[in-house]
Protein backbone atom coordinates (compact mmCIF):
# COMPACT_ATOMS: atom_id res chain seq x y z
CA ASN A 1 130.41 155.07 124.74
CA TRP A 2 129.35 158.98 125.47
CA ALA A 3 133.00 160.32 125.61
CA ALA A 4 133.91 158.74 122.25
CA ALA A 5 130.84 159.82 120.40
CA SER A 6 131.65 163.23 121.61
CA ALA A 7 135.17 163.01 120.49
CA ASN A 8 133.67 161.74 116.93
CA ASP A 9 131.14 164.66 116.49
CA TRP A 10 133.73 167.01 117.11
CA ALA A 11 136.43 165.63 114.73
CA LYS A 12 133.51 165.78 112.14
CA ALA A 13 132.53 169.23 112.82
CA LEU A 14 136.50 170.11 113.03
CA GLY A 15 136.45 168.55 109.18
CA GLN A 16 133.90 170.13 108.33
CA ILE A 17 135.29 174.00 109.56
CA LEU A 18 138.42 172.68 107.95
CA GLU A 19 136.96 171.85 104.69
CA LYS A 20 134.92 175.29 104.10
CA VAL A 21 137.98 177.00 104.98
CA VAL A 22 140.18 175.34 102.41
CA LEU A 23 137.51 175.74 99.73
CA SER A 24 137.16 179.54 101.08
CA GLN A 25 141.01 180.02 99.97
CA ALA A 26 140.70 178.25 97.30
CA MET A 27 137.98 180.50 95.74
CA LEU A 28 140.05 183.60 96.90
CA ASN A 29 142.81 182.56 94.87
CA SER A 30 140.67 181.92 91.96
CA CYS A 31 138.95 185.07 92.08
CA ARG A 32 142.31 186.73 92.29
CA GLU A 33 143.12 185.56 88.76
CA LEU A 34 140.06 187.34 87.08
CA ARG A 35 141.17 190.51 85.31
CA LEU A 36 139.61 193.54 86.13
CA PHE A 37 137.23 195.09 84.03
CA SER A 38 135.77 198.71 84.32
CA GLY A 39 134.09 199.03 80.56
CA VAL A 40 137.34 201.17 79.63
CA GLU A 41 139.66 198.32 79.15
CA GLU A 42 139.18 196.16 75.47
CA PHE A 43 136.07 193.62 76.32
CA GLU A 44 136.51 190.76 73.75
CA PRO A 45 139.74 189.44 75.59
CA TRP A 46 138.68 190.16 78.78
CA LEU A 47 135.31 187.85 78.14
CA GLU A 48 136.80 185.30 76.86
CA HIS A 49 139.28 184.81 79.72
CA THR A 50 136.26 185.28 82.47
CA THR A 51 134.25 182.83 80.63
CA GLU A 52 136.76 180.09 80.59
CA MET A 53 137.81 180.58 83.76
CA LEU A 54 134.08 180.68 85.36
CA GLN A 55 133.74 177.41 83.22
CA GLU A 56 136.44 175.83 85.10
CA TRP A 57 135.45 176.10 88.53
CA ALA A 58 133.55 173.25 89.95
CA VAL A 59 131.47 175.68 92.59
CA PRO A 60 128.26 177.05 92.86
CA ASP A 61 126.59 179.82 90.62
CA ALA A 62 126.37 182.22 93.78
CA GLU A 63 130.49 181.85 94.46
CA LYS A 64 130.71 182.43 90.60
CA ARG A 65 128.74 185.42 90.45
CA ARG A 66 130.50 186.92 93.32
CA CYS A 67 134.01 186.26 92.26
CA LEU A 68 132.70 188.20 88.82
CA ILE A 69 131.29 191.14 90.64
CA GLU A 70 134.30 191.65 92.52
CA SER A 71 136.43 191.64 89.26
CA LEU A 72 134.20 194.45 88.18
CA SER A 73 134.37 198.32 88.60
CA GLY A 74 132.85 201.58 87.15
CA PRO A 75 130.11 201.33 84.48
CA ALA A 76 130.47 197.51 84.55
CA LEU A 77 129.45 197.13 87.85
CA ASP A 78 126.73 199.34 87.61
CA VAL A 79 124.97 197.44 84.90
CA ILE A 80 125.04 194.00 87.41
CA ARG A 81 124.01 196.25 90.08
CA THR A 82 121.01 197.19 88.11
CA LEU A 83 120.41 193.70 87.17
CA LYS A 84 120.54 192.53 90.99
CA LEU A 85 117.98 195.29 91.68
CA ILE A 86 115.40 193.52 89.52
CA ASP A 87 116.55 189.83 90.43
CA PRO A 88 119.20 189.61 93.21
CA GLY A 89 119.74 185.93 92.32
CA VAL A 90 120.75 186.49 88.86
CA SER A 91 122.80 184.27 87.08
CA VAL A 92 126.27 184.24 85.81
CA LYS A 93 125.18 183.87 82.11
CA ASP A 94 122.69 186.59 82.83
CA CYS A 95 125.39 188.77 83.94
CA LEU A 96 127.95 188.04 81.23
CA GLU A 97 125.06 188.74 78.65
CA ALA A 98 124.17 191.92 80.06
CA LEU A 99 128.07 193.04 79.83
CA ASP A 100 128.03 191.80 76.30
CA HIS A 101 125.32 193.91 75.15
CA THR A 102 126.38 196.89 76.73
CA PHE A 103 130.42 196.36 75.95
CA GLY A 104 130.66 194.06 73.25
CA SER A 105 130.70 194.37 69.69
CA VAL A 106 127.04 194.79 67.69
CA GLU A 107 127.01 191.11 66.08
CA GLY A 108 123.54 189.82 65.52
CA PRO A 109 122.76 185.86 66.03
CA GLU A 110 123.41 184.90 62.29
CA ASP A 111 126.83 186.65 62.34
CA SER A 112 127.91 184.81 65.74
CA TYR A 113 126.79 181.37 64.38
CA CYS A 114 128.23 181.83 60.72
CA LYS A 115 131.60 182.69 62.81
CA PHE A 116 131.35 179.27 65.13
CA LEU A 117 130.28 177.15 61.59
CA ASN A 118 132.99 178.61 59.46
CA SER A 119 135.73 177.43 62.40
CA ARG A 120 138.09 174.98 60.88
CA GLN A 121 141.24 173.13 62.58
CA GLN A 122 144.29 174.66 61.18
CA ILE A 123 147.37 172.73 59.88
CA GLY A 124 149.82 172.37 62.81
CA GLU A 125 146.72 172.76 65.24
CA LYS A 126 146.09 170.42 68.14
CA ILE A 127 142.67 169.24 68.36
CA SER A 128 142.95 170.20 71.85
CA ALA A 129 143.37 173.54 71.11
CA TYR A 130 140.75 173.61 68.14
CA ILE A 131 138.15 172.61 70.76
CA GLN A 132 139.01 175.40 73.17
CA ARG A 133 139.13 178.05 70.48
CA LEU A 134 135.64 176.48 69.12
CA GLU A 135 134.31 176.72 72.66
CA ARG A 136 134.61 180.50 72.75
CA LEU A 137 132.82 180.70 69.45
CA LEU A 138 129.98 178.33 70.64
CA GLN A 139 129.44 180.53 73.78
CA ARG A 140 129.28 183.67 71.94
CA ALA A 141 126.56 182.36 69.99
CA VAL A 142 124.71 181.34 72.84
CA MET A 143 124.79 184.81 74.49
CA ARG A 144 123.32 186.07 71.38
CA GLY A 145 120.63 183.57 71.01
CA ALA A 146 121.75 181.52 68.12
CA VAL A 147 121.97 178.19 70.38
CA THR A 148 120.55 177.75 73.32
CA ALA A 149 122.54 176.10 76.36
CA GLU A 150 120.60 172.81 76.04
CA GLN A 151 122.28 172.57 72.55
CA MET A 152 125.71 172.99 73.42
CA ASP A 153 127.14 169.55 73.72
CA ARG A 154 125.37 168.39 70.47
CA THR A 155 126.04 171.21 68.38
CA ARG A 156 129.85 171.52 69.56
CA LEU A 157 130.20 167.75 68.86
CA ALA A 158 128.87 168.12 65.37
CA GLN A 159 131.27 171.14 64.44
CA ILE A 160 134.02 169.22 65.97
CA VAL A 161 133.57 166.26 63.44
CA ARG A 162 132.95 168.78 60.95
CA GLY A 163 135.55 171.21 61.25
CA ALA A 164 138.02 168.48 62.36
CA GLN A 165 141.06 167.46 59.79
CA TYR A 166 140.03 164.47 57.76
CA GLN A 167 140.74 161.10 59.16
CA ASN A 168 141.75 162.60 63.00
CA PRO A 169 143.14 159.89 64.73
CA ILE A 170 142.01 161.08 68.07
CA LEU A 171 138.38 161.66 66.58
CA LEU A 172 138.61 157.58 65.21
CA HIS A 173 139.84 156.75 68.49
CA LEU A 174 137.07 158.09 70.19
CA GLN A 175 134.60 157.33 68.21
CA LEU A 176 133.27 161.20 68.11
CA ARG A 177 131.34 160.46 65.21
CA GLU A 178 129.39 157.57 66.87
CA ARG A 179 128.15 159.67 69.85
CA TRP A 180 125.71 161.76 68.28
CA GLU A 181 122.98 160.63 70.69
CA HIS A 182 124.89 161.18 73.96
CA PRO A 183 127.52 163.77 73.05
CA PRO A 184 129.60 164.62 75.96
CA SER A 185 129.88 167.81 77.92
CA TYR A 186 132.90 169.93 77.32
CA SER A 187 134.93 169.41 80.56
CA GLN A 188 134.62 165.24 79.57
CA LEU A 189 135.40 165.72 75.93
CA ILE A 190 138.70 168.09 76.44
CA LYS A 191 139.73 165.45 79.17
CA GLU A 192 139.19 162.41 77.08
CA VAL A 193 140.84 164.55 74.00
CA ARG A 194 144.06 165.76 76.03
CA GLU A 195 144.59 162.05 77.26
CA GLU A 196 144.76 160.77 74.16
CA GLU A 197 147.15 163.32 72.74
CA GLU A 198 149.57 162.37 75.39
CA ARG A 199 148.95 158.78 74.86
CA GLN A 200 149.64 159.34 71.17
CA ALA A 201 152.79 161.20 71.59
CA ALA A 202 154.17 158.54 73.91
CA SER A 203 153.33 155.83 71.32
CA GLU A 204 154.84 158.24 68.86
CA PHE A 205 158.28 158.98 71.07
CA TRP A 206 158.72 154.83 71.57
CA GLU A 207 158.37 154.13 67.66
CA ALA A 208 160.89 156.79 67.21
CA GLN A 209 163.05 155.37 69.35
CA THR A 210 162.77 152.12 67.87
CA LEU A 211 163.36 153.28 64.34
CA GLU A 212 166.26 151.98 62.08
CA PRO A 213 168.31 154.31 59.83
CA ASP A 214 166.73 153.35 57.22
CA GLY A 215 163.59 153.96 58.12
CA HIS A 216 162.46 150.70 59.03
CA SER A 217 160.08 150.52 62.19
CA ALA A 218 158.06 147.45 63.76
CA GLY A 219 154.78 148.84 63.58
CA LYS A 220 155.40 148.52 59.59
CA CYS A 221 157.12 145.59 59.63
CA HIS A 222 155.70 142.02 57.75
CA ASN A 223 158.76 139.77 58.33
CA GLU A 224 158.42 137.06 61.29
CA GLU A 225 158.86 138.00 64.65
CA ASN A 226 162.52 138.20 66.38
CA PRO A 227 161.98 138.91 70.11
CA SER A 228 165.65 138.59 70.68
CA LEU A 229 166.39 141.31 67.89
CA VAL A 230 163.44 143.42 69.24
CA TYR A 231 164.88 143.29 72.69
CA GLY A 232 168.22 144.26 71.63
CA LYS A 233 166.96 147.22 70.02
CA LEU A 234 164.88 148.47 72.63
CA LYS A 235 168.20 148.07 75.34
CA ILE A 236 170.22 150.10 73.06
CA SER A 237 167.75 153.00 72.58
CA TRP A 238 167.19 152.67 76.58
CA GLU A 239 170.82 153.01 77.13
CA ARG A 240 171.17 156.12 74.53
CA SER A 241 168.35 157.82 76.27
CA GLY A 242 170.02 157.75 79.66
CA SER A 243 167.23 155.66 81.38
CA CYS A 244 169.54 153.07 82.72
CA GLN A 245 171.12 155.93 84.90
CA ARG A 246 168.05 157.48 86.05
CA VAL A 247 166.80 153.70 86.98
CA ARG A 248 169.99 151.90 88.21
CA GLY A 249 169.98 148.43 86.87
CA ARG A 250 166.81 148.46 85.19
CA GLY A 251 166.00 148.04 81.31
CA PRO A 252 163.57 147.66 78.86
CA PRO A 253 160.73 144.58 79.27
CA ARG A 254 162.66 141.52 78.31
CA PRO A 255 160.34 139.42 76.23
CA ALA A 256 159.57 135.76 77.46
CA GLY A 257 162.76 132.97 76.48
CA VAL A 258 164.81 136.14 75.53
CA GLU A 259 168.34 136.11 77.22
CA ASP A 260 171.18 138.67 77.22
CA SER A 261 173.89 137.91 74.78
CA PRO A 262 177.10 136.31 76.51
CA ARG A 263 179.80 138.85 77.35
CA ASN A 264 183.12 138.70 75.12
CA ASN A 265 185.50 138.43 78.36
CA ARG A 266 188.51 138.02 76.40
CA PRO A 267 191.16 140.23 77.32
CA ALA A 268 192.24 143.24 75.19
CA GLY A 269 194.83 142.81 72.80
CA ILE A 270 194.52 138.76 72.58
CA PRO A 271 194.28 137.52 69.07
CA ALA A 272 190.84 135.52 68.98
CA GLY A 273 191.32 131.78 68.66
CA LEU A 274 193.95 131.78 71.09
CA ILE A 275 191.46 131.30 74.19
CA GLY A 276 188.60 129.27 73.58
CA PRO A 277 185.43 129.16 75.58
CA ARG A 278 185.22 128.04 79.44
CA ALA A 279 185.04 124.12 80.22
CA GLU A 280 183.68 123.20 83.59
CA VAL A 281 183.72 119.81 84.86
CA MET A 282 182.55 118.04 88.17
CA VAL A 283 185.36 116.61 90.67
CA LYS A 284 185.58 115.14 94.03
CA ILE A 285 187.83 116.70 96.44
CA GLU A 286 187.85 114.89 99.72
CA GLY A 287 184.84 113.42 98.95
CA ALA A 288 182.76 116.49 97.92
CA GLU A 289 181.84 116.99 94.57
CA CYS A 290 182.49 120.50 92.99
CA LYS A 291 183.07 122.38 89.88
CA ALA A 292 186.77 123.01 88.47
């Protein structure tokens, strides 16, 4: 028992060490993705990239601050060093705000908030791309003091509903207008939107595959159901797409009660009518029944 307990403790300790090593390596790789900034480079693109990267990392704020500091040099690093002298545990948000006040454009809270409110989804722009673009403007408004961090989720949702194209199917499906009291976070919202975009794209693809040359589609058909006809069209589109070659022997799902059409086994060159349908009868040969 003592040996088994000792082995379990050893395995647990080893697992914790490996977990720390993997996390450390992942953080090292993430830190390398941050762009360097010394104070002489263009600040706005660097701030957008850094803010987006730091927001995606699911690690403690102290690790994010360490990576941020490692990406700085020169006057930019001096700004953060001064902050750390005043508050050794200064947050990443305060670090970015100090850099923004030092190297960013001179823009008041009202101007940054107006840019956020005037942002609209462009024609042809995915709703996910609009949300990502809007998030950068919202973060700028927060840095300028126009919006508090506690108001971000509700403010973001209100502007998405206001700025998205009218009757956007993704907004309707996710019922974002009805989620005002409990707005999703940015990470949850962008995840739901991107998943819904992929689902709708797949649905449109299959509808296009079953579209008739005259524009007739199953989604807009008011005729009576005809499972045999639908299955035949799906089988043709499946074969044209090459799916039958990738998955040998498989085809589209067959509706209940639908069978393949009988094959025409008539040899080529023989006129129709000379060979009739195959006939089978039961006969007895040496006392045993069989088909002939």
